[in-house]
Each structure stands twice: as C-alpha cells, then as structure tokens.
Amino acid sequence: MALMTDRRNQAVTGLTPPQLDEAKIRVVWPSVAAHTGIATLGRGLTRTIVLAPLAWMIMALPYFMKVLPGMARRYTLTNRRLMIQHGWKLTPAQEVALAAIDDVRVVEDANSRFFRAATLEIISKGQVVLRLPGVPNPESFREAILNTTKAWVPGKADTGHFLPASASKSA
C-alpha cells in the first residue's frame, strides 16, 4: 500500500510518520518531586498527623504551578523529539531529537518512592543532554522514550534479539 500524505487516509489510524508530521506520543506533567526542597519538607510533614494539612498547603503551590500561565511545564514525547515545554502555548524550552538519544537513566532520590517519581537523564554520546525532574512513573516514561526511538529512528531498532514465544528454552 502506498504511503498516503493525507492524515484522514492513513493506513493505520494514529500513526503519523515523522517525515509527514510531528505527532504527540506521550505528555507527562512533572510531580511535586521536581521541587526537591518543597517535596522533602512536604514528605516529612505528612508523616505527622497534626502537620499533614500544612504539608498539603505547601505542596499545593508547586502542584498547581504546572498549570499557571507562564509557569506551566510539561514533558512531551513526539515521533521526532523529546522536549520540555513551558507556558500555555506549549513553547519548547529544551529539546533533543530522537535520533540523538542513546539511553535514558532513571535517577532516584529520597523523595522518589514517596512521590512515585524520579529524574530522567537523557544520554547522547555519553553525555547528559536533557534532565527531566519529577517524572511520575519514571520507568514507564523511560520505556516509552526508548520504544519511540526504536520505532521511529532508522537504525535504532533492536532487531537482533527477537525470540518468538514458541521457541524452546532448551534448544
């Protein structure tokens, strides 16, 4: 089947080749854990019954900052790039092309287990080129980034390690 340039006539719904258009794959809003000091204070205060409401009020500020005009921030993965976007207009502040991504590391801190979030470091040519602090469910987003890279960047697919389910382990 020939590649169609009209999005309404796609062979598979929802799949847009990067050569035709940029398509969002996943968007993640950073958690309170992106603000280490406030997260540590909030985590400590929630361990007490009396001070827990104070912790919720303190942590509400960074929680709602992600939607305030001028302060909004989100991490967006597309079929072309991974970027940190700011503001209501989704202006890219930092980005890295999928072709440049070699690996993604999950960096946990003292708040990671409590908030179920961690920092993702995007590795290119042995260097950290992008840091995404406070990513909720970091392992899931890490896998999404790596799978997107393998799916959309020519030469990045890991084709040598496929083992069909019917293969015998004893062979």
C-alpha atoms as a PDB file:
ATOM      1  CA  MET A   1       0.000   0.000   0.000  1.00  0.00           C
ATOM      2  CA  ALA A   2       1.380   3.389  -0.958  1.00  0.00           C
ATOM      3  CA  LEU A   3       2.207   5.913   1.741  1.00  0.00           C
ATOM      4  CA  MET A   4      -0.590   8.444   1.876  1.00  0.00           C
ATOM      5  CA  THR A   5       0.073  12.066   2.744  1.00  0.00           C
ATOM      6  CA  ASP A   6      -3.480  12.860   3.838  1.00  0.00           C
ATOM      7  CA  ARG A   7      -3.936  12.161   7.572  1.00  0.00           C
ATOM      8  CA  ARG A   8      -7.573  11.171   7.006  1.00  0.00           C
ATOM      9  CA  ASN A   9      -6.466   8.371   4.693  1.00  0.00           C
ATOM     10  CA  GLN A  10      -3.815   6.788   6.911  1.00  0.00           C
ATOM     11  CA  ALA A  11      -3.354   3.064   6.524  1.00  0.00           C
ATOM     12  CA  VAL A  12      -3.196   2.682  10.313  1.00  0.00           C
ATOM     13  CA  THR A  13      -5.125   5.159  12.427  1.00  0.00           C
ATOM     14  CA  GLY A  14      -2.987   7.251  14.763  1.00  0.00           C
ATOM     15  CA  LEU A  15       0.357   6.509  13.112  1.00  0.00           C
ATOM     16  CA  THR A  16       1.988   9.504  11.516  1.00  0.00           C
ATOM     17  CA  PRO A  17       5.451   9.100  10.012  1.00  0.00           C
ATOM     18  CA  PRO A  18       7.850  11.841  11.186  1.00  0.00           C
ATOM     19  CA  GLN A  19       8.504  12.764   7.561  1.00  0.00           C
ATOM     20  CA  LEU A  20       4.870  13.886   7.189  1.00  0.00           C
ATOM     21  CA  ASP A  21       4.012  15.469  10.518  1.00  0.00           C
ATOM     22  CA  GLU A  22       5.003  15.606  14.173  1.00  0.00           C
ATOM     23  CA  ALA A  23       2.630  13.586  16.341  1.00  0.00           C
ATOM     24  CA  LYS A  24       2.436  13.576  20.132  1.00  0.00           C
ATOM     25  CA  ILE A  25       3.062  10.189  21.645  1.00  0.00           C
ATOM     26  CA  ARG A  26       3.001  10.993  25.342  1.00  0.00           C
ATOM     27  CA  VAL A  27       2.781  14.052  27.593  1.00  0.00           C
ATOM     28  CA  VAL A  28       3.833  13.985  31.255  1.00  0.00           C
ATOM     29  CA  TRP A  29       3.330  16.724  33.825  1.00  0.00           C
ATOM     30  CA  PRO A  30       6.097  16.890  36.458  1.00  0.00           C
ATOM     31  CA  SER A  31       5.126  15.988  40.015  1.00  0.00           C
ATOM     32  CA  VAL A  32       5.865  17.898  43.204  1.00  0.00           C
ATOM     33  CA  ALA A  33       9.088  15.843  43.405  1.00  0.00           C
ATOM     34  CA  ALA A  34      10.552  18.139  40.720  1.00  0.00           C
ATOM     35  CA  HIS A  35      10.956  20.726  43.536  1.00  0.00           C
ATOM     36  CA  THR A  36      13.301  18.846  45.856  1.00  0.00           C
ATOM     37  CA  GLY A  37      13.210  21.177  48.875  1.00  0.00           C
ATOM     38  CA  ILE A  38       9.427  21.507  48.970  1.00  0.00           C
ATOM     39  CA  ALA A  39       8.995  17.783  48.315  1.00  0.00           C
ATOM     40  CA  THR A  40      11.343  16.867  51.185  1.00  0.00           C
ATOM     41  CA  LEU A  41       9.581  19.238  53.573  1.00  0.00           C
ATOM     42  CA  GLY A  42       6.148  18.004  52.489  1.00  0.00           C
ATOM     43  CA  ARG A  43       7.166  14.361  52.803  1.00  0.00           C
ATOM     44  CA  GLY A  44       8.441  14.985  56.340  1.00  0.00           C
ATOM     45  CA  LEU A  45       5.361  16.903  57.437  1.00  0.00           C
ATOM     46  CA  THR A  46       2.920  14.311  56.076  1.00  0.00           C
ATOM     47  CA  ARG A  47       4.406  11.733  58.436  1.00  0.00           C
ATOM     48  CA  THR A  48       2.782  13.603  61.311  1.00  0.00           C
ATOM     49  CA  ILE A  49      -0.972  13.734  61.754  1.00  0.00           C
ATOM     50  CA  VAL A  50      -1.058  17.299  63.037  1.00  0.00           C
ATOM     51  CA  LEU A  51       1.200  18.882  60.381  1.00  0.00           C
ATOM     52  CA  ALA A  52      -0.063  16.932  57.353  1.00  0.00           C
ATOM     53  CA  PRO A  53      -2.572  19.669  56.330  1.00  0.00           C
ATOM     54  CA  LEU A  54       0.281  22.186  56.386  1.00  0.00           C
ATOM     55  CA  ALA A  55       2.272  19.886  54.100  1.00  0.00           C
ATOM     56  CA  TRP A  56      -0.636  19.719  51.639  1.00  0.00           C
ATOM     57  CA  MET A  57      -0.832  23.525  51.510  1.00  0.00           C
ATOM     58  CA  ILE A  58       2.931  23.831  50.986  1.00  0.00           C
ATOM     59  CA  MET A  59       2.935  21.219  48.224  1.00  0.00           C
ATOM     60  CA  ALA A  60      -0.147  22.732  46.552  1.00  0.00           C
ATOM     61  CA  LEU A  61       1.925  25.626  45.198  1.00  0.00           C
ATOM     62  CA  PRO A  62       4.279  23.533  43.019  1.00  0.00           C
ATOM     63  CA  TYR A  63       1.430  21.169  42.180  1.00  0.00           C
ATOM     64  CA  PHE A  64      -0.676  23.966  40.678  1.00  0.00           C
ATOM     65  CA  MET A  65       2.318  25.844  39.223  1.00  0.00           C
ATOM     66  CA  LYS A  66       2.315  23.380  36.342  1.00  0.00           C
ATOM     67  CA  VAL A  67      -0.903  24.933  35.005  1.00  0.00           C
ATOM     68  CA  LEU A  68      -0.351  28.616  35.873  1.00  0.00           C
ATOM     69  CA  PRO A  69       0.284  30.966  32.923  1.00  0.00           C
ATOM     70  CA  GLY A  70       3.988  31.451  32.357  1.00  0.00           C
ATOM     71  CA  MET A  71       4.958  28.716  34.826  1.00  0.00           C
ATOM     72  CA  ALA A  72       3.286  25.697  33.236  1.00  0.00           C
ATOM     73  CA  ARG A  73       5.714  22.911  32.343  1.00  0.00           C
ATOM     74  CA  ARG A  74       5.324  19.520  30.718  1.00  0.00           C
ATOM     75  CA  TYR A  75       7.477  16.852  29.108  1.00  0.00           C
ATOM     76  CA  THR A  76       6.338  15.923  25.598  1.00  0.00           C
ATOM     77  CA  LEU A  77       7.447  12.934  23.548  1.00  0.00           C
ATOM     78  CA  THR A  78       6.711  13.030  19.828  1.00  0.00           C
ATOM     79  CA  ASN A  79       7.691  10.918  16.847  1.00  0.00           C
ATOM     80  CA  ARG A  80      10.552  13.388  16.210  1.00  0.00           C
ATOM     81  CA  ARG A  81      11.808  14.662  19.576  1.00  0.00           C
ATOM     82  CA  LEU A  82      11.575  14.799  23.355  1.00  0.00           C
ATOM     83  CA  MET A  83      11.064  18.270  24.773  1.00  0.00           C
ATOM     84  CA  ILE A  84      10.367  20.328  27.851  1.00  0.00           C
ATOM     85  CA  GLN A  85       7.554  22.751  27.067  1.00  0.00           C
ATOM     86  CA  HIS A  86       6.650  25.894  29.003  1.00  0.00           C
ATOM     87  CA  GLY A  87       3.570  28.096  29.180  1.00  0.00           C
ATOM     88  CA  TRP A  88       0.059  27.660  27.917  1.00  0.00           C
ATOM     89  CA  LYS A  89       1.254  27.957  24.331  1.00  0.00           C
ATOM     90  CA  LEU A  90       3.484  24.895  24.747  1.00  0.00           C
ATOM     91  CA  THR A  91       6.674  26.666  23.736  1.00  0.00           C
ATOM     92  CA  PRO A  92       9.632  24.255  23.599  1.00  0.00           C
ATOM     93  CA  ALA A  93      12.271  25.373  26.120  1.00  0.00           C
ATOM     94  CA  GLN A  94      14.673  22.442  25.660  1.00  0.00           C
ATOM     95  CA  GLU A  95      14.603  19.510  23.290  1.00  0.00           C
ATOM     96  CA  VAL A  96      16.560  16.584  21.945  1.00  0.00           C
ATOM     97  CA  ALA A  97      15.947  14.781  18.668  1.00  0.00           C
ATOM     98  CA  LEU A  98      15.046  11.091  18.937  1.00  0.00           C
ATOM     99  CA  ALA A  99      17.993  10.247  16.681  1.00  0.00           C
ATOM    100  CA  ALA A 100      20.389  11.710  19.279  1.00  0.00           C
ATOM    101  CA  ILE A 101      19.065   9.615  22.197  1.00  0.00           C
ATOM    102  CA  ASP A 102      21.319   6.693  23.118  1.00  0.00           C
ATOM    103  CA  ASP A 103      19.910   5.806  26.542  1.00  0.00           C
ATOM    104  CA  VAL A 104      17.665   7.048  29.336  1.00  0.00           C
ATOM    105  CA  ARG A 105      18.644   6.764  33.015  1.00  0.00           C
ATOM    106  CA  VAL A 106      16.312   6.866  35.998  1.00  0.00           C
ATOM    107  CA  VAL A 107      17.886   8.798  38.888  1.00  0.00           C
ATOM    108  CA  GLU A 108      16.071   8.349  42.184  1.00  0.00           C
ATOM    109  CA  ASP A 109      16.422  10.452  45.315  1.00  0.00           C
ATOM    110  CA  ALA A 110      14.987  10.341  48.853  1.00  0.00           C
ATOM    111  CA  ASN A 111      11.582  11.530  47.595  1.00  0.00           C
ATOM    112  CA  SER A 112      11.251   9.090  44.689  1.00  0.00           C
ATOM    113  CA  ARG A 113       9.435   6.276  46.483  1.00  0.00           C
ATOM    114  CA  PHE A 114       7.072   8.619  48.339  1.00  0.00           C
ATOM    115  CA  PHE A 115       6.008  10.570  45.234  1.00  0.00           C
ATOM    116  CA  ARG A 116       6.496   7.654  42.798  1.00  0.00           C
ATOM    117  CA  ALA A 117       8.588   9.970  40.644  1.00  0.00           C
ATOM    118  CA  ALA A 118      12.234  10.359  39.659  1.00  0.00           C
ATOM    119  CA  THR A 119      14.526  12.340  37.391  1.00  0.00           C
ATOM    120  CA  LEU A 120      15.159  11.029  33.882  1.00  0.00           C
ATOM    121  CA  GLU A 121      18.521  11.779  32.298  1.00  0.00           C
ATOM    122  CA  ILE A 122      18.655  11.599  28.517  1.00  0.00           C
ATOM    123  CA  ILE A 123      22.055  10.347  27.330  1.00  0.00           C
ATOM    124  CA  SER A 124      23.581  11.220  23.951  1.00  0.00           C
ATOM    125  CA  LYS A 125      27.179  10.363  23.044  1.00  0.00           C
ATOM    126  CA  GLY A 126      27.966   9.605  26.693  1.00  0.00           C
ATOM    127  CA  GLN A 127      26.723  12.983  27.939  1.00  0.00           C
ATOM    128  CA  VAL A 128      23.531  14.018  29.731  1.00  0.00           C
ATOM    129  CA  VAL A 129      21.805  16.291  27.206  1.00  0.00           C
ATOM    130  CA  LEU A 130      18.452  16.697  28.965  1.00  0.00           C
ATOM    131  CA  ARG A 131      17.197  16.266  32.547  1.00  0.00           C
ATOM    132  CA  LEU A 132      13.519  15.742  33.325  1.00  0.00           C
ATOM    133  CA  PRO A 133      12.996  16.166  37.097  1.00  0.00           C
ATOM    134  CA  GLY A 134       9.920  14.818  38.877  1.00  0.00           C
ATOM    135  CA  VAL A 135       8.671  12.413  36.186  1.00  0.00           C
ATOM    136  CA  PRO A 136       5.739  10.388  37.561  1.00  0.00           C
ATOM    137  CA  ASN A 137       6.025   6.645  36.837  1.00  0.00           C
ATOM    138  CA  PRO A 138       9.559   7.196  35.514  1.00  0.00           C
ATOM    139  CA  GLU A 139      10.204   3.651  34.328  1.00  0.00           C
ATOM    140  CA  SER A 140       7.100   3.749  32.141  1.00  0.00           C
ATOM    141  CA  PHE A 141       8.094   7.066  30.535  1.00  0.00           C
ATOM    142  CA  ARG A 142      11.661   5.788  30.087  1.00  0.00           C
ATOM    143  CA  GLU A 143      10.361   2.764  28.178  1.00  0.00           C
ATOM    144  CA  ALA A 144       8.109   4.999  26.071  1.00  0.00           C
ATOM    145  CA  ILE A 145      11.107   7.144  25.080  1.00  0.00           C
ATOM    146  CA  LEU A 146      13.278   4.131  24.215  1.00  0.00           C
ATOM    147  CA  ASN A 147      10.486   2.363  22.317  1.00  0.00           C
ATOM    148  CA  THR A 148       9.655   5.515  20.362  1.00  0.00           C
ATOM    149  CA  THR A 149      13.315   5.899  19.450  1.00  0.00           C
ATOM    150  CA  LYS A 150      13.468   2.306  18.250  1.00  0.00           C
ATOM    151  CA  ALA A 151      10.232   2.651  16.295  1.00  0.00           C
ATOM    152  CA  TRP A 152      10.849   5.960  14.505  1.00  0.00           C
ATOM    153  CA  VAL A 153      14.630   6.357  14.103  1.00  0.00           C
ATOM    154  CA  PRO A 154      16.168   4.351  11.261  1.00  0.00           C
ATOM    155  CA  GLY A 155      18.980   2.130  12.519  1.00  0.00           C
ATOM    156  CA  LYS A 156      17.960   2.300  16.214  1.00  0.00           C
ATOM    157  CA  ALA A 157      15.672  -0.749  16.198  1.00  0.00           C
ATOM    158  CA  ASP A 158      16.992  -3.725  18.138  1.00  0.00           C
ATOM    159  CA  THR A 159      16.271  -6.424  15.570  1.00  0.00           C
ATOM    160  CA  GLY A 160      18.858  -8.971  16.665  1.00  0.00           C
ATOM    161  CA  HIS A 161      17.313 -10.078  19.961  1.00  0.00           C
ATOM    162  CA  PHE A 162      13.860 -11.292  18.911  1.00  0.00           C
ATOM    163  CA  LEU A 163      12.896 -14.642  20.409  1.00  0.00           C
ATOM    164  CA  PRO A 164       9.477 -15.952  19.369  1.00  0.00           C
ATOM    165  CA  ALA A 165       7.198 -17.226  22.113  1.00  0.00           C
ATOM    166  CA  SER A 166       7.151 -20.668  20.507  1.00  0.00           C
ATOM    167  CA  ALA A 167      10.933 -21.044  20.789  1.00  0.00           C
ATOM    168  CA  SER A 168      12.132 -23.790  23.083  1.00  0.00           C
ATOM    169  CA  LYS A 169      14.320 -22.694  26.006  1.00  0.00           C
ATOM    170  CA  SER A 170      16.200 -25.977  25.996  1.00  0.00           C
ATOM    171  CA  ALA A 171      17.395 -25.613  22.409  1.00  0.00           C
END
